[in-house]
């Protein structure tokens, strides 16, 4: 996730992801989510809410740049 550090940190801080460092941790994380459907659902909801919160950021930034450039 070296090229997504800011986004990954945002998800981590909002407890909207499971961070794994290797194959064994991935397997353990998947098993834990499968064994805890309500926890998995909660994790998914946090992730969806976070994505929704930042939805449209590209369009907003493009509009901001256009305004600076004089409405090109």
N, C-alpha and C. Protein backbone atom coordinates (compact mmCIF):
# COMPACT_ATOMS: atom_id res chain seq x y z
N UNK A 1 0.82 -1.20 0.00
CA UNK A 1 0.00 0.00 0.00
C UNK A 1 0.86 1.26 0.00
N UNK A 2 2.13 1.13 -0.38
CA UNK A 2 3.03 2.26 -0.35
C UNK A 2 2.54 3.43 -1.20
N UNK A 3 1.81 3.16 -2.26
CA UNK A 3 1.33 4.24 -3.13
C UNK A 3 -0.08 4.69 -2.75
N UNK A 4 -0.62 4.19 -1.64
CA UNK A 4 -1.94 4.59 -1.15
C UNK A 4 -1.87 4.90 0.34
N UNK A 5 -0.72 5.39 0.80
CA UNK A 5 -0.51 5.58 2.24
C UNK A 5 -1.58 6.45 2.90
N UNK A 6 -1.92 7.57 2.29
CA UNK A 6 -2.90 8.47 2.90
C UNK A 6 -4.26 7.82 3.00
N UNK A 7 -4.67 7.17 1.93
CA UNK A 7 -5.98 6.50 1.91
C UNK A 7 -5.98 5.34 2.90
N UNK A 8 -4.92 4.55 2.90
CA UNK A 8 -4.83 3.41 3.81
C UNK A 8 -4.89 3.88 5.26
N UNK A 9 -4.20 4.96 5.56
CA UNK A 9 -4.20 5.51 6.93
C UNK A 9 -5.60 5.99 7.31
N UNK A 10 -6.30 6.60 6.38
CA UNK A 10 -7.66 7.06 6.62
C UNK A 10 -8.58 5.87 6.95
N UNK A 11 -8.47 4.80 6.18
CA UNK A 11 -9.27 3.61 6.45
C UNK A 11 -8.88 2.99 7.79
N UNK A 12 -7.58 2.95 8.07
CA UNK A 12 -7.12 2.36 9.33
C UNK A 12 -7.64 3.17 10.52
N UNK A 13 -7.52 4.48 10.47
CA UNK A 13 -7.97 5.34 11.57
C UNK A 13 -9.47 5.22 11.80
N UNK A 14 -10.22 4.96 10.74
CA UNK A 14 -11.67 4.84 10.85
C UNK A 14 -12.12 3.39 11.04
N UNK A 15 -11.17 2.51 11.31
CA UNK A 15 -11.45 1.09 11.52
C UNK A 15 -12.32 0.53 10.39
N UNK A 16 -11.96 0.89 9.15
CA UNK A 16 -12.73 0.49 7.98
C UNK A 16 -11.96 -0.50 7.10
N UNK A 17 -10.97 -1.16 7.69
CA UNK A 17 -10.18 -2.13 6.93
C UNK A 17 -9.54 -3.12 7.88
N UNK A 18 -9.01 -4.17 7.30
CA UNK A 18 -8.19 -5.13 8.05
C UNK A 18 -6.82 -5.07 7.41
N UNK A 19 -5.84 -4.70 8.19
CA UNK A 19 -4.48 -4.59 7.68
C UNK A 19 -3.76 -5.92 7.88
N UNK A 20 -3.21 -6.46 6.81
CA UNK A 20 -2.43 -7.70 6.88
C UNK A 20 -1.07 -7.46 6.25
N UNK A 21 -0.08 -8.18 6.75
CA UNK A 21 1.28 -7.98 6.27
C UNK A 21 1.82 -9.15 5.47
N UNK A 22 1.10 -10.27 5.53
CA UNK A 22 1.59 -11.45 4.83
C UNK A 22 0.44 -12.43 4.59
N UNK A 23 0.76 -13.54 3.96
CA UNK A 23 -0.24 -14.56 3.62
C UNK A 23 -0.95 -15.12 4.84
N UNK A 24 -0.17 -15.39 5.88
CA UNK A 24 -0.75 -15.97 7.09
C UNK A 24 -1.76 -15.01 7.73
N UNK A 25 -1.41 -13.71 7.80
CA UNK A 25 -2.32 -12.73 8.38
C UNK A 25 -3.56 -12.55 7.50
N UNK A 26 -3.39 -12.65 6.19
CA UNK A 26 -4.54 -12.57 5.28
C UNK A 26 -5.50 -13.73 5.55
N UNK A 27 -4.96 -14.93 5.63
CA UNK A 27 -5.78 -16.11 5.89
C UNK A 27 -6.51 -15.96 7.23
N UNK A 28 -5.79 -15.53 8.25
CA UNK A 28 -6.39 -15.35 9.58
C UNK A 28 -7.50 -14.29 9.53
N UNK A 29 -7.25 -13.19 8.84
CA UNK A 29 -8.23 -12.12 8.73
C UNK A 29 -9.50 -12.56 8.01
N UNK A 30 -9.34 -13.32 6.95
CA UNK A 30 -10.49 -13.83 6.20
C UNK A 30 -11.31 -14.77 7.07
N UNK A 31 -10.63 -15.67 7.76
CA UNK A 31 -11.34 -16.62 8.63
C UNK A 31 -12.09 -15.87 9.73
N UNK A 32 -11.46 -14.87 10.32
CA UNK A 32 -12.12 -14.10 11.38
C UNK A 32 -13.36 -13.39 10.85
N UNK A 33 -13.28 -12.82 9.66
CA UNK A 33 -14.45 -12.15 9.07
C UNK A 33 -15.56 -13.14 8.74
N UNK A 34 -15.18 -14.30 8.22
CA UNK A 34 -16.18 -15.33 7.90
C UNK A 34 -16.86 -15.87 9.16
N UNK A 35 -16.12 -15.93 10.25
CA UNK A 35 -16.67 -16.42 11.51
C UNK A 35 -17.42 -15.34 12.29
N UNK A 36 -17.36 -14.10 11.84
CA UNK A 36 -18.02 -13.00 12.53
C UNK A 36 -18.77 -12.15 11.51
N UNK A 37 -19.90 -12.63 11.01
CA UNK A 37 -20.64 -11.90 9.97
C UNK A 37 -21.04 -10.49 10.39
N UNK A 38 -21.43 -10.30 11.64
CA UNK A 38 -21.83 -8.95 12.06
C UNK A 38 -20.62 -8.02 12.09
N UNK A 39 -19.47 -8.53 12.48
CA UNK A 39 -18.25 -7.73 12.45
C UNK A 39 -17.84 -7.40 11.03
N UNK A 40 -17.99 -8.36 10.12
CA UNK A 40 -17.68 -8.13 8.71
C UNK A 40 -18.63 -7.10 8.12
N UNK A 41 -19.91 -7.20 8.49
CA UNK A 41 -20.89 -6.23 8.00
C UNK A 41 -20.58 -4.83 8.52
N UNK A 42 -20.20 -4.74 9.78
CA UNK A 42 -19.84 -3.46 10.37
C UNK A 42 -18.61 -2.85 9.69
N UNK A 43 -17.63 -3.69 9.41
CA UNK A 43 -16.42 -3.24 8.71
C UNK A 43 -16.78 -2.72 7.33
N UNK A 44 -17.63 -3.46 6.61
CA UNK A 44 -18.07 -3.03 5.28
C UNK A 44 -18.83 -1.72 5.32
N UNK A 45 -19.68 -1.55 6.34
CA UNK A 45 -20.45 -0.31 6.47
C UNK A 45 -19.52 0.87 6.71
N UNK A 46 -18.54 0.69 7.58
CA UNK A 46 -17.58 1.78 7.84
C UNK A 46 -16.83 2.15 6.56
N UNK A 47 -16.44 1.14 5.79
CA UNK A 47 -15.72 1.39 4.53
C UNK A 47 -16.62 2.11 3.53
N UNK A 48 -17.87 1.66 3.38
CA UNK A 48 -18.82 2.33 2.47
C UNK A 48 -19.06 3.77 2.88
N UNK A 49 -19.25 3.99 4.18
CA UNK A 49 -19.49 5.34 4.68
C UNK A 49 -18.29 6.25 4.39
N UNK A 50 -17.11 5.73 4.57
CA UNK A 50 -15.90 6.51 4.32
C UNK A 50 -15.76 6.85 2.84
N UNK A 51 -16.00 5.88 1.97
CA UNK A 51 -15.94 6.12 0.52
C UNK A 51 -16.99 7.14 0.11
N UNK A 52 -18.19 7.03 0.66
CA UNK A 52 -19.27 7.97 0.34
C UNK A 52 -18.92 9.39 0.77
N UNK A 53 -18.24 9.49 1.90
CA UNK A 53 -17.85 10.80 2.42
C UNK A 53 -16.91 11.53 1.46
N UNK A 54 -16.07 10.79 0.76
CA UNK A 54 -15.10 11.40 -0.14
C UNK A 54 -15.48 11.29 -1.61
N UNK A 55 -16.66 10.77 -1.87
CA UNK A 55 -17.13 10.63 -3.25
C UNK A 55 -17.25 12.01 -3.90
N UNK A 56 -16.78 12.11 -5.12
CA UNK A 56 -16.88 13.37 -5.85
C UNK A 56 -15.71 14.31 -5.64
N UNK A 57 -14.70 13.87 -4.92
CA UNK A 57 -13.56 14.75 -4.64
C UNK A 57 -12.85 15.18 -5.92
N UNK A 58 -12.73 14.30 -6.90
CA UNK A 58 -12.05 14.65 -8.15
C UNK A 58 -12.79 15.77 -8.86
N UNK A 59 -14.10 15.67 -8.95
CA UNK A 59 -14.90 16.71 -9.59
C UNK A 59 -14.79 18.04 -8.87
N UNK A 60 -14.80 18.01 -7.55
CA UNK A 60 -14.67 19.24 -6.77
C UNK A 60 -13.30 19.88 -7.01
N UNK A 61 -12.26 19.06 -7.00
CA UNK A 61 -10.91 19.59 -7.22
C UNK A 61 -10.75 20.14 -8.62
N UNK A 62 -11.33 19.46 -9.61
CA UNK A 62 -11.26 19.94 -10.99
C UNK A 62 -11.95 21.29 -11.11
N UNK A 63 -13.10 21.44 -10.48
CA UNK A 63 -13.81 22.72 -10.49
C UNK A 63 -13.00 23.81 -9.83
N UNK A 64 -12.35 23.49 -8.76
CA UNK A 64 -11.50 24.46 -8.05
C UNK A 64 -10.36 24.94 -8.95
N UNK A 65 -9.71 24.00 -9.63
CA UNK A 65 -8.60 24.35 -10.53
C UNK A 65 -9.12 25.20 -11.70
N UNK A 66 -10.28 24.85 -12.24
CA UNK A 66 -10.86 25.61 -13.34
C UNK A 66 -11.13 27.05 -12.92
N UNK A 67 -11.64 27.22 -11.70
CA UNK A 67 -11.90 28.57 -11.20
C UNK A 67 -10.61 29.38 -11.09
N UNK A 68 -9.56 28.73 -10.63
CA UNK A 68 -8.27 29.42 -10.51
C UNK A 68 -7.76 29.83 -11.88
N UNK A 69 -7.96 28.96 -12.87
CA UNK A 69 -7.47 29.22 -14.22
C UNK A 69 -8.41 30.12 -15.02
N UNK A 70 -9.46 30.61 -14.42
CA UNK A 70 -10.34 31.53 -15.10
C UNK A 70 -11.44 30.85 -15.90
N UNK A 71 -11.86 29.68 -15.50
CA UNK A 71 -12.98 29.02 -16.13
C UNK A 71 -12.68 28.38 -17.46
N UNK A 72 -11.44 27.99 -17.65
CA UNK A 72 -11.05 27.34 -18.92
C UNK A 72 -11.86 26.09 -19.14
